[in-house]
Amino acid sequence: MAPAVLRALLPSVRVAAAARCGVGGGGGGGSIGGAAAAGVRWLAAAKKGGRGGGAAAKGGGGGVAAATGPTGWAALQIYKDVPGPTELEDDAYPDWLWTLTDPAATQADLTEQAAALWATGGVEAVVDTMGPSGDLTRLLRTDARARLRERNDASTAGL
């Protein structure tokens, strides 16, 4: 699908996706409060007292020390009084977890998929199949980046 045709259909897809999600404007970001929650084990080692140089200044090595902390699942224990997570069988995890390592679809693949859906059912087919929080969002973002790059290249070429 030609980029001009894609750009012609994207505004209507954006409006339909926003209406479906119930979003209207810019997104606000939430923040995680309480950085120093009670009972949280600090990961940084305590500072040793004293002034002056360290082991390197005293002639005692000065290299990077070997990791002495926990490894594996034990390293995920972050609360003092609560045991850490345990490993489960593979079938206990959701199916989508195993797809996280699959390569993401390229912009060309997403554009081709959107064009095929557009030809069969219009905006509704694109929004229903690609989903406003999935591939459709990725397609819109990559298209916006491409348009921004084109504008930047055009403005710097005239200088």
Protein backbone atom coordinates (compact mmCIF):
# COMPACT_ATOMS: atom_id res chain seq x y z
CA MET A 1 0.00 0.00 0.00
CA ALA A 2 1.34 3.40 -0.91
CA PRO A 3 2.19 5.73 1.97
CA ALA A 4 -0.22 8.38 0.62
CA VAL A 5 -3.12 5.91 0.71
CA LEU A 6 -2.16 4.81 4.20
CA ARG A 7 -2.06 8.42 5.39
CA ALA A 8 -5.51 8.96 3.93
CA LEU A 9 -7.02 6.12 5.98
CA LEU A 10 -5.11 6.64 9.23
CA PRO A 11 -7.04 9.70 10.51
CA SER A 12 -10.35 7.85 10.36
CA VAL A 13 -8.77 4.81 12.03
CA ARG A 14 -7.37 7.04 14.80
CA VAL A 15 -10.79 8.58 15.45
CA ALA A 16 -12.51 5.18 15.49
CA ALA A 17 -9.88 3.70 17.80
CA ALA A 18 -10.07 6.66 20.18
CA ALA A 19 -13.86 6.44 20.26
CA ARG A 20 -13.70 2.71 20.94
CA CYS A 21 -11.26 3.15 23.83
CA GLY A 22 -12.99 6.17 25.29
CA VAL A 23 -9.90 8.34 25.08
CA GLY A 24 -9.95 11.85 23.86
CA GLY A 25 -6.71 13.58 24.49
CA GLY A 26 -3.20 13.23 25.70
CA GLY A 27 -2.31 10.55 28.15
CA GLY A 28 -1.38 11.32 31.67
CA GLY A 29 1.26 9.28 33.34
CA GLY A 30 0.89 7.78 36.73
CA SER A 31 3.69 7.66 39.19
CA ILE A 32 4.72 5.12 41.73
CA GLY A 33 4.65 6.68 45.13
CA GLY A 34 6.36 5.73 48.33
CA ALA A 35 9.84 4.95 47.10
CA ALA A 36 10.99 4.03 50.56
CA ALA A 37 8.19 1.66 51.53
CA ALA A 38 8.43 0.07 54.94
CA GLY A 39 9.84 -3.43 54.95
CA VAL A 40 11.64 -3.12 51.61
CA ARG A 41 15.14 -4.50 51.56
CA TRP A 42 17.59 -2.03 50.06
CA LEU A 43 19.73 -3.41 47.29
CA ALA A 44 22.72 -1.13 47.79
CA ALA A 45 25.37 -2.23 50.22
CA ALA A 46 25.94 -0.16 53.35
CA LYS A 47 28.72 2.42 53.09
CA LYS A 48 31.84 1.53 55.00
CA GLY A 49 33.03 4.16 57.43
CA GLY A 50 36.35 5.94 57.41
CA ARG A 51 38.16 8.46 55.28
CA GLY A 52 40.87 8.12 52.76
CA GLY A 53 41.44 5.74 49.92
CA GLY A 54 39.88 2.37 49.54
CA ALA A 55 41.53 -0.96 48.99
CA ALA A 56 43.31 0.28 45.86
CA ALA A 57 44.98 3.12 47.76
CA LYS A 58 46.18 0.71 50.44
CA GLY A 59 47.58 -1.70 47.88
CA GLY A 60 44.87 -4.30 48.34
CA GLY A 61 43.47 -5.14 44.90
CA GLY A 62 40.95 -2.49 43.95
CA GLY A 63 39.29 -4.59 41.25
CA VAL A 64 35.61 -5.42 40.92
CA ALA A 65 34.50 -7.82 43.63
CA ALA A 66 32.66 -11.01 42.72
CA ALA A 67 28.88 -10.90 43.04
CA THR A 68 27.94 -12.25 46.44
CA GLY A 69 24.17 -11.61 46.37
CA PRO A 70 21.47 -14.15 45.68
CA THR A 71 20.93 -15.45 42.17
CA GLY A 72 18.04 -17.03 40.30
CA TRP A 73 14.56 -16.90 41.83
CA ALA A 74 16.01 -15.99 45.25
CA ALA A 75 17.17 -12.66 43.82
CA LEU A 76 13.52 -11.69 43.26
CA GLN A 77 12.80 -11.58 46.99
CA ILE A 78 12.54 -7.85 47.71
CA TYR A 79 10.64 -7.80 51.01
CA LYS A 80 12.24 -8.79 54.32
CA ASP A 81 9.38 -10.77 55.80
CA VAL A 82 7.73 -12.10 52.63
CA PRO A 83 9.13 -15.10 50.75
CA GLY A 84 10.07 -14.51 47.14
CA PRO A 85 8.26 -15.97 44.14
CA THR A 86 8.60 -19.60 43.25
CA GLU A 87 9.02 -21.12 39.82
CA LEU A 88 5.90 -22.80 38.42
CA GLU A 89 5.39 -25.35 35.67
CA ASP A 90 5.31 -23.94 32.13
CA ASP A 91 1.60 -24.66 31.69
CA ALA A 92 0.77 -22.54 34.78
CA TYR A 93 1.83 -19.36 32.97
CA PRO A 94 -0.45 -17.56 30.46
CA ASP A 95 0.01 -18.33 26.76
CA TRP A 96 0.90 -14.74 25.83
CA LEU A 97 4.01 -14.93 28.02
CA TRP A 98 5.71 -17.27 25.56
CA THR A 99 5.14 -14.84 22.67
CA LEU A 100 7.17 -12.01 24.24
CA THR A 101 10.38 -13.21 22.60
CA ASP A 102 8.83 -13.39 19.11
CA PRO A 103 10.03 -10.65 16.75
CA ALA A 104 7.60 -7.74 16.37
CA ALA A 105 5.89 -7.10 13.05
CA THR A 106 7.52 -4.49 10.85
CA GLN A 107 5.79 -1.32 9.70
CA ALA A 108 5.43 -2.82 6.23
CA ASP A 109 3.70 -5.91 7.67
CA LEU A 110 1.35 -3.79 9.76
CA THR A 111 0.56 -1.54 6.80
CA GLU A 112 -0.20 -4.54 4.61
CA GLN A 113 -2.45 -6.04 7.29
CA ALA A 114 -4.30 -2.74 7.77
CA ALA A 115 -4.79 -2.34 4.01
CA ALA A 116 -6.22 -5.85 3.68
CA LEU A 117 -8.58 -5.27 6.60
CA TRP A 118 -9.56 -1.86 5.22
CA ALA A 119 -10.46 -3.41 1.87
CA THR A 120 -12.68 -6.05 3.50
CA GLY A 121 -14.49 -4.10 6.18
CA GLY A 122 -13.36 -0.49 6.45
CA VAL A 123 -12.46 1.25 9.69
CA GLU A 124 -14.43 -1.11 11.91
CA ALA A 125 -12.55 -4.15 10.60
CA VAL A 126 -9.18 -2.47 11.19
CA VAL A 127 -10.04 -1.39 14.74
CA ASP A 128 -11.71 -4.68 15.67
CA THR A 129 -8.93 -6.90 14.37
CA MET A 130 -5.80 -4.90 15.09
CA GLY A 131 -7.12 -3.52 18.36
CA PRO A 132 -6.62 0.00 19.66
CA SER A 133 -4.11 -1.16 22.25
CA GLY A 134 -2.13 -3.56 20.07
CA ASP A 135 -0.84 -3.52 16.54
CA LEU A 136 -2.97 -0.55 15.56
CA THR A 137 -1.26 1.68 18.12
CA ARG A 138 2.12 0.45 16.92
CA LEU A 139 1.18 1.21 13.31
CA LEU A 140 0.04 4.72 14.18
CA ARG A 141 3.20 5.42 16.18
CA THR A 142 5.55 4.15 13.49
CA ASP A 143 3.67 6.17 10.87
CA ALA A 144 3.93 9.31 13.02
CA ARG A 145 7.67 8.74 13.43
CA ALA A 146 8.09 8.28 9.69
CA ARG A 147 6.20 11.51 8.95
CA LEU A 148 8.30 13.37 11.53
CA ARG A 149 11.51 12.08 9.96
CA GLU A 150 10.31 13.14 6.51
CA ARG A 151 9.51 16.64 7.76
CA ASN A 152 12.87 16.91 9.51
CA ASP A 153 14.71 15.70 6.42
CA ALA A 154 12.82 18.15 4.21
CA SER A 155 13.55 21.07 6.53
CA THR A 156 17.26 20.30 6.79
CA ALA A 157 17.61 19.69 3.06
CA GLY A 158 16.55 23.28 2.36
CA LEU A 159 19.27 24.78 4.57
